[in-house]
């Protein structure tokens, strides 16, 4: 056993070259363990941001919150089912129409239709599942619909539809206020 150098205690093992005081190595390709984040830590941090935003905003009327918790899951389920049906028809139609468009000189259009229909299908399934889980008062359902609101907001922001932006922000405000009721 090596003798401890100055700065080391007798109970500590000797450090290799490049090893930091915390015990991790300082190799260029790895991050120290203190800087690595797990999904649970990230989820907790996002959850903290949502709680802070909810606390900063003025409280919504209790009747509005109760109505939202009663009707929003059903609205999400109904529009989720309708979206699934419509996007399945669009996916089949774009799969048939896509090659025809490619043959007649629109090479990117067919692929864009198929991808757009696929994204709409995934979004509708998430909306259906989120509504179902919100009926059961699960936080996962609240987060799925919250994620859908963020995507809708960004889409409206890109397309510069002001009325849609205002409506989505109002729904998101109420959605944020009911967060404590979902666990």
C-alpha atoms as a PDB file:
ATOM      1  CA  UNK A   1       0.000   0.000   0.000  1.00  0.00           C
ATOM      2  CA  UNK A   2       1.245   3.455  -0.850  1.00  0.00           C
ATOM      3  CA  UNK A   3       1.744   6.036   1.833  1.00  0.00           C
ATOM      4  CA  UNK A   4      -0.759   8.888   1.831  1.00  0.00           C
ATOM      5  CA  UNK A   5       0.404  12.132   0.294  1.00  0.00           C
ATOM      6  CA  UNK A   6      -0.360  15.519   1.744  1.00  0.00           C
ATOM      7  CA  UNK A   7      -4.062  16.256   1.261  1.00  0.00           C
ATOM      8  CA  UNK A   8      -5.076  12.567   1.607  1.00  0.00           C
ATOM      9  CA  UNK A   9      -6.183  10.839   4.746  1.00  0.00           C
ATOM     10  CA  UNK A  10      -4.827   7.436   5.706  1.00  0.00           C
ATOM     11  CA  UNK A  11      -8.277   5.837   5.121  1.00  0.00           C
ATOM     12  CA  UNK A  12      -8.563   7.140   1.534  1.00  0.00           C
ATOM     13  CA  UNK A  13      -7.134   5.097  -1.311  1.00  0.00           C
ATOM     14  CA  UNK A  14      -4.529   6.883  -3.410  1.00  0.00           C
ATOM     15  CA  UNK A  15      -5.928   8.721  -6.471  1.00  0.00           C
ATOM     16  CA  UNK A  16      -4.860   7.964  -9.992  1.00  0.00           C
ATOM     17  CA  UNK A  17      -3.680  10.731 -12.284  1.00  0.00           C
ATOM     18  CA  UNK A  18      -6.685  12.642 -13.699  1.00  0.00           C
ATOM     19  CA  UNK A  19      -9.033  11.557 -10.916  1.00  0.00           C
ATOM     20  CA  UNK A  20     -10.882  14.386  -9.225  1.00  0.00           C
ATOM     21  CA  UNK A  21     -11.528  14.907  -5.512  1.00  0.00           C
ATOM     22  CA  UNK A  22     -15.096  13.591  -5.922  1.00  0.00           C
ATOM     23  CA  UNK A  23     -13.784  10.235  -7.122  1.00  0.00           C
ATOM     24  CA  UNK A  24     -14.808  10.559 -10.791  1.00  0.00           C
ATOM     25  CA  UNK A  25     -12.306  10.564 -13.583  1.00  0.00           C
ATOM     26  CA  UNK A  26     -11.836  13.636 -15.709  1.00  0.00           C
ATOM     27  CA  UNK A  27     -11.770  11.955 -19.089  1.00  0.00           C
ATOM     28  CA  UNK A  28     -12.837  14.214 -21.958  1.00  0.00           C
ATOM     29  CA  UNK A  29     -15.721  12.022 -23.171  1.00  0.00           C
ATOM     30  CA  UNK A  30     -17.571  11.622 -19.887  1.00  0.00           C
ATOM     31  CA  UNK A  31     -19.404  13.971 -17.596  1.00  0.00           C
ATOM     32  CA  UNK A  32     -18.790  13.896 -13.848  1.00  0.00           C
ATOM     33  CA  UNK A  33     -21.536  11.991 -12.012  1.00  0.00           C
ATOM     34  CA  UNK A  34     -22.808  15.193 -10.398  1.00  0.00           C
ATOM     35  CA  UNK A  35     -23.747  16.637 -13.817  1.00  0.00           C
ATOM     36  CA  UNK A  36     -25.594  13.608 -15.231  1.00  0.00           C
ATOM     37  CA  UNK A  37     -29.370  13.851 -15.023  1.00  0.00           C
ATOM     38  CA  UNK A  38     -31.843  11.029 -14.956  1.00  0.00           C
ATOM     39  CA  UNK A  39     -35.319  11.226 -16.449  1.00  0.00           C
ATOM     40  CA  UNK A  40     -36.839  11.419 -12.960  1.00  0.00           C
ATOM     41  CA  UNK A  41     -34.721  14.465 -12.086  1.00  0.00           C
ATOM     42  CA  UNK A  42     -35.660  16.179 -15.360  1.00  0.00           C
ATOM     43  CA  UNK A  43     -39.335  15.353 -14.854  1.00  0.00           C
ATOM     44  CA  UNK A  44     -39.188  16.725 -11.321  1.00  0.00           C
ATOM     45  CA  UNK A  45     -37.569  19.926 -12.574  1.00  0.00           C
ATOM     46  CA  UNK A  46     -40.274  20.414 -15.246  1.00  0.00           C
ATOM     47  CA  UNK A  47     -42.892  19.672 -12.600  1.00  0.00           C
ATOM     48  CA  UNK A  48     -41.338  22.357 -10.383  1.00  0.00           C
ATOM     49  CA  UNK A  49     -41.482  24.892 -13.236  1.00  0.00           C
ATOM     50  CA  UNK A  50     -45.171  24.093 -13.803  1.00  0.00           C
ATOM     51  CA  UNK A  51     -45.900  24.539 -10.091  1.00  0.00           C
ATOM     52  CA  UNK A  52     -44.056  27.863 -10.009  1.00  0.00           C
ATOM     53  CA  UNK A  53     -45.998  29.134 -13.025  1.00  0.00           C
ATOM     54  CA  UNK A  54     -49.273  28.036 -11.417  1.00  0.00           C
ATOM     55  CA  UNK A  55     -48.416  29.844  -8.181  1.00  0.00           C
ATOM     56  CA  UNK A  56     -47.463  33.079  -9.970  1.00  0.00           C
ATOM     57  CA  UNK A  57     -50.656  33.263 -12.047  1.00  0.00           C
ATOM     58  CA  UNK A  58     -53.884  34.488 -10.449  1.00  0.00           C
ATOM     59  CA  UNK A  59     -56.215  31.733  -9.281  1.00  0.00           C
ATOM     60  CA  UNK A  60     -59.063  30.760 -11.576  1.00  0.00           C
ATOM     61  CA  UNK A  61     -62.632  30.553 -10.249  1.00  0.00           C
ATOM     62  CA  UNK A  62     -63.407  27.163  -8.654  1.00  0.00           C
ATOM     63  CA  UNK A  63     -66.469  26.639 -10.865  1.00  0.00           C
ATOM     64  CA  UNK A  64     -64.356  27.025 -13.988  1.00  0.00           C
ATOM     65  CA  UNK A  65     -61.801  24.546 -12.661  1.00  0.00           C
ATOM     66  CA  UNK A  66     -64.471  21.980 -11.725  1.00  0.00           C
ATOM     67  CA  UNK A  67     -66.109  22.343 -15.133  1.00  0.00           C
ATOM     68  CA  UNK A  68     -62.762  21.942 -16.879  1.00  0.00           C
ATOM     69  CA  UNK A  69     -61.942  18.789 -14.886  1.00  0.00           C
ATOM     70  CA  UNK A  70     -65.370  17.367 -15.731  1.00  0.00           C
ATOM     71  CA  UNK A  71     -65.527  18.172 -19.433  1.00  0.00           C
ATOM     72  CA  UNK A  72     -61.955  18.492 -20.744  1.00  0.00           C
ATOM     73  CA  UNK A  73     -61.186  14.745 -20.527  1.00  0.00           C
ATOM     74  CA  UNK A  74     -64.345  13.920 -22.467  1.00  0.00           C
ATOM     75  CA  UNK A  75     -63.601  16.552 -25.085  1.00  0.00           C
ATOM     76  CA  UNK A  76     -60.080  15.117 -25.441  1.00  0.00           C
ATOM     77  CA  UNK A  77     -61.447  11.584 -25.808  1.00  0.00           C
ATOM     78  CA  UNK A  78     -64.060  12.562 -28.418  1.00  0.00           C
ATOM     79  CA  UNK A  79     -61.623  14.642 -30.477  1.00  0.00           C
ATOM     80  CA  UNK A  80     -58.968  11.950 -30.045  1.00  0.00           C
ATOM     81  CA  UNK A  81     -61.269   9.287 -31.517  1.00  0.00           C
ATOM     82  CA  UNK A  82     -62.374  11.611 -34.343  1.00  0.00           C
ATOM     83  CA  UNK A  83     -58.730  12.529 -35.015  1.00  0.00           C
ATOM     84  CA  UNK A  84     -57.735   8.859 -35.158  1.00  0.00           C
ATOM     85  CA  UNK A  85     -60.486   8.090 -37.667  1.00  0.00           C
ATOM     86  CA  UNK A  86     -59.724  11.117 -39.840  1.00  0.00           C
ATOM     87  CA  UNK A  87     -55.961  10.590 -39.749  1.00  0.00           C
ATOM     88  CA  UNK A  88     -56.336   6.895 -40.633  1.00  0.00           C
ATOM     89  CA  UNK A  89     -58.402   7.851 -43.678  1.00  0.00           C
ATOM     90  CA  UNK A  90     -55.846  10.547 -44.526  1.00  0.00           C
ATOM     91  CA  UNK A  91     -52.967   8.093 -44.068  1.00  0.00           C
ATOM     92  CA  UNK A  92     -54.551   5.568 -46.415  1.00  0.00           C
ATOM     93  CA  UNK A  93     -55.482   8.309 -48.888  1.00  0.00           C
ATOM     94  CA  UNK A  94     -52.021   9.861 -48.834  1.00  0.00           C
ATOM     95  CA  UNK A  95     -50.426   6.438 -49.262  1.00  0.00           C
ATOM     96  CA  UNK A  96     -52.478   5.983 -52.425  1.00  0.00           C
ATOM     97  CA  UNK A  97     -52.203   9.586 -53.609  1.00  0.00           C
ATOM     98  CA  UNK A  98     -48.490   9.982 -52.749  1.00  0.00           C
ATOM     99  CA  UNK A  99     -47.097   7.809 -55.572  1.00  0.00           C
ATOM    100  CA  UNK A 100     -49.462   9.492 -58.053  1.00  0.00           C
ATOM    101  CA  UNK A 101     -48.143  12.914 -57.037  1.00  0.00           C
ATOM    102  CA  UNK A 102     -44.573  11.667 -57.420  1.00  0.00           C
ATOM    103  CA  UNK A 103     -45.347  10.378 -60.918  1.00  0.00           C
ATOM    104  CA  UNK A 104     -46.725  13.735 -62.015  1.00  0.00           C
ATOM    105  CA  UNK A 105     -43.880  15.937 -60.811  1.00  0.00           C
ATOM    106  CA  UNK A 106     -44.424  16.705 -57.116  1.00  0.00           C
ATOM    107  CA  UNK A 107     -41.759  14.557 -55.499  1.00  0.00           C
ATOM    108  CA  UNK A 108     -41.909  15.969 -51.937  1.00  0.00           C
ATOM    109  CA  UNK A 109     -45.671  16.317 -51.654  1.00  0.00           C
ATOM    110  CA  UNK A 110     -46.532  12.625 -51.299  1.00  0.00           C
ATOM    111  CA  UNK A 111     -44.003  12.073 -48.540  1.00  0.00           C
ATOM    112  CA  UNK A 112     -45.154  15.214 -46.737  1.00  0.00           C
ATOM    113  CA  UNK A 113     -48.765  14.013 -46.823  1.00  0.00           C
ATOM    114  CA  UNK A 114     -47.833  10.625 -45.375  1.00  0.00           C
ATOM    115  CA  UNK A 115     -45.665  12.104 -42.609  1.00  0.00           C
ATOM    116  CA  UNK A 116     -48.308  14.705 -41.727  1.00  0.00           C
ATOM    117  CA  UNK A 117     -51.002  12.034 -41.524  1.00  0.00           C
ATOM    118  CA  UNK A 118     -48.758   9.868 -39.342  1.00  0.00           C
ATOM    119  CA  UNK A 119     -48.040  12.742 -36.967  1.00  0.00           C
ATOM    120  CA  UNK A 120     -51.763  13.545 -36.758  1.00  0.00           C
ATOM    121  CA  UNK A 121     -52.471   9.889 -35.926  1.00  0.00           C
ATOM    122  CA  UNK A 122     -49.879   9.844 -33.133  1.00  0.00           C
ATOM    123  CA  UNK A 123     -51.177  13.156 -31.775  1.00  0.00           C
ATOM    124  CA  UNK A 124     -54.757  11.875 -31.756  1.00  0.00           C
ATOM    125  CA  UNK A 125     -53.791   8.676 -29.951  1.00  0.00           C
ATOM    126  CA  UNK A 126     -51.949  10.705 -27.301  1.00  0.00           C
ATOM    127  CA  UNK A 127     -54.981  12.957 -26.917  1.00  0.00           C
ATOM    128  CA  UNK A 128     -57.258   9.949 -26.454  1.00  0.00           C
ATOM    129  CA  UNK A 129     -54.938   8.348 -23.892  1.00  0.00           C
ATOM    130  CA  UNK A 130     -54.420  11.692 -22.106  1.00  0.00           C
ATOM    131  CA  UNK A 131     -58.174  12.239 -21.817  1.00  0.00           C
ATOM    132  CA  UNK A 132     -58.707   8.717 -20.504  1.00  0.00           C
ATOM    133  CA  UNK A 133     -55.966   9.127 -17.894  1.00  0.00           C
ATOM    134  CA  UNK A 134     -57.313  12.551 -16.884  1.00  0.00           C
ATOM    135  CA  UNK A 135     -60.673  10.929 -16.173  1.00  0.00           C
ATOM    136  CA  UNK A 136     -58.824   8.674 -13.724  1.00  0.00           C
ATOM    137  CA  UNK A 137     -57.115  11.766 -12.210  1.00  0.00           C
ATOM    138  CA  UNK A 138     -53.637  10.597 -13.214  1.00  0.00           C
ATOM    139  CA  UNK A 139     -50.825  13.101 -13.665  1.00  0.00           C
ATOM    140  CA  UNK A 140     -49.681  11.341 -16.842  1.00  0.00           C
ATOM    141  CA  UNK A 141     -52.939  12.304 -18.534  1.00  0.00           C
ATOM    142  CA  UNK A 142     -52.510  15.900 -17.388  1.00  0.00           C
ATOM    143  CA  UNK A 143     -48.977  15.961 -18.844  1.00  0.00           C
ATOM    144  CA  UNK A 144     -50.064  14.388 -22.159  1.00  0.00           C
ATOM    145  CA  UNK A 145     -52.737  17.028 -22.683  1.00  0.00           C
ATOM    146  CA  UNK A 146     -50.327  19.723 -21.519  1.00  0.00           C
ATOM    147  CA  UNK A 147     -47.802  18.556 -24.098  1.00  0.00           C
ATOM    148  CA  UNK A 148     -50.552  18.691 -26.725  1.00  0.00           C
ATOM    149  CA  UNK A 149     -51.320  22.276 -25.728  1.00  0.00           C
ATOM    150  CA  UNK A 150     -47.641  23.213 -26.096  1.00  0.00           C
ATOM    151  CA  UNK A 151     -47.510  21.640 -29.570  1.00  0.00           C
ATOM    152  CA  UNK A 152     -50.717  23.444 -30.574  1.00  0.00           C
ATOM    153  CA  UNK A 153     -49.336  26.716 -29.245  1.00  0.00           C
ATOM    154  CA  UNK A 154     -46.107  26.334 -31.225  1.00  0.00           C
ATOM    155  CA  UNK A 155     -48.043  25.411 -34.363  1.00  0.00           C
ATOM    156  CA  UNK A 156     -50.263  28.488 -33.988  1.00  0.00           C
ATOM    157  CA  UNK A 157     -47.213  30.612 -33.324  1.00  0.00           C
ATOM    158  CA  UNK A 158     -45.535  29.417 -36.532  1.00  0.00           C
ATOM    159  CA  UNK A 159     -48.698  29.994 -38.563  1.00  0.00           C
ATOM    160  CA  UNK A 160     -49.321  33.354 -36.841  1.00  0.00           C
ATOM    161  CA  UNK A 161     -52.964  32.663 -35.997  1.00  0.00           C
ATOM    162  CA  UNK A 162     -53.649  35.177 -33.236  1.00  0.00           C
ATOM    163  CA  UNK A 163     -57.154  34.012 -32.270  1.00  0.00           C
ATOM    164  CA  UNK A 164     -55.929  30.428 -31.954  1.00  0.00           C
ATOM    165  CA  UNK A 165     -52.990  31.588 -29.811  1.00  0.00           C
ATOM    166  CA  UNK A 166     -55.324  33.416 -27.431  1.00  0.00           C
ATOM    167  CA  UNK A 167     -57.680  30.437 -27.106  1.00  0.00           C
ATOM    168  CA  UNK A 168     -54.812  27.995 -26.500  1.00  0.00           C
ATOM    169  CA  UNK A 169     -53.283  30.298 -23.868  1.00  0.00           C
ATOM    170  CA  UNK A 170     -56.635  30.530 -22.041  1.00  0.00           C
ATOM    171  CA  UNK A 171     -57.058  26.739 -22.097  1.00  0.00           C
ATOM    172  CA  UNK A 172     -53.450  26.285 -20.955  1.00  0.00           C
ATOM    173  CA  UNK A 173     -54.059  28.731 -18.082  1.00  0.00           C
ATOM    174  CA  UNK A 174     -56.986  26.682 -16.805  1.00  0.00           C
ATOM    175  CA  UNK A 175     -55.106  23.435 -17.479  1.00  0.00           C
ATOM    176  CA  UNK A 176     -52.210  24.671 -15.362  1.00  0.00           C
ATOM    177  CA  UNK A 177     -54.558  25.665 -12.529  1.00  0.00           C
ATOM    178  CA  UNK A 178     -56.014  22.124 -12.191  1.00  0.00           C
ATOM    179  CA  UNK A 179     -52.592  20.447 -11.946  1.00  0.00           C
ATOM    180  CA  UNK A 180     -52.711  19.820  -8.151  1.00  0.00           C
ATOM    181  CA  UNK A 181     -55.791  17.614  -8.640  1.00  0.00           C
ATOM    182  CA  UNK A 182     -53.859  15.031 -10.674  1.00  0.00           C
ATOM    183  CA  UNK A 183     -51.426  12.610  -9.038  1.00  0.00           C
END
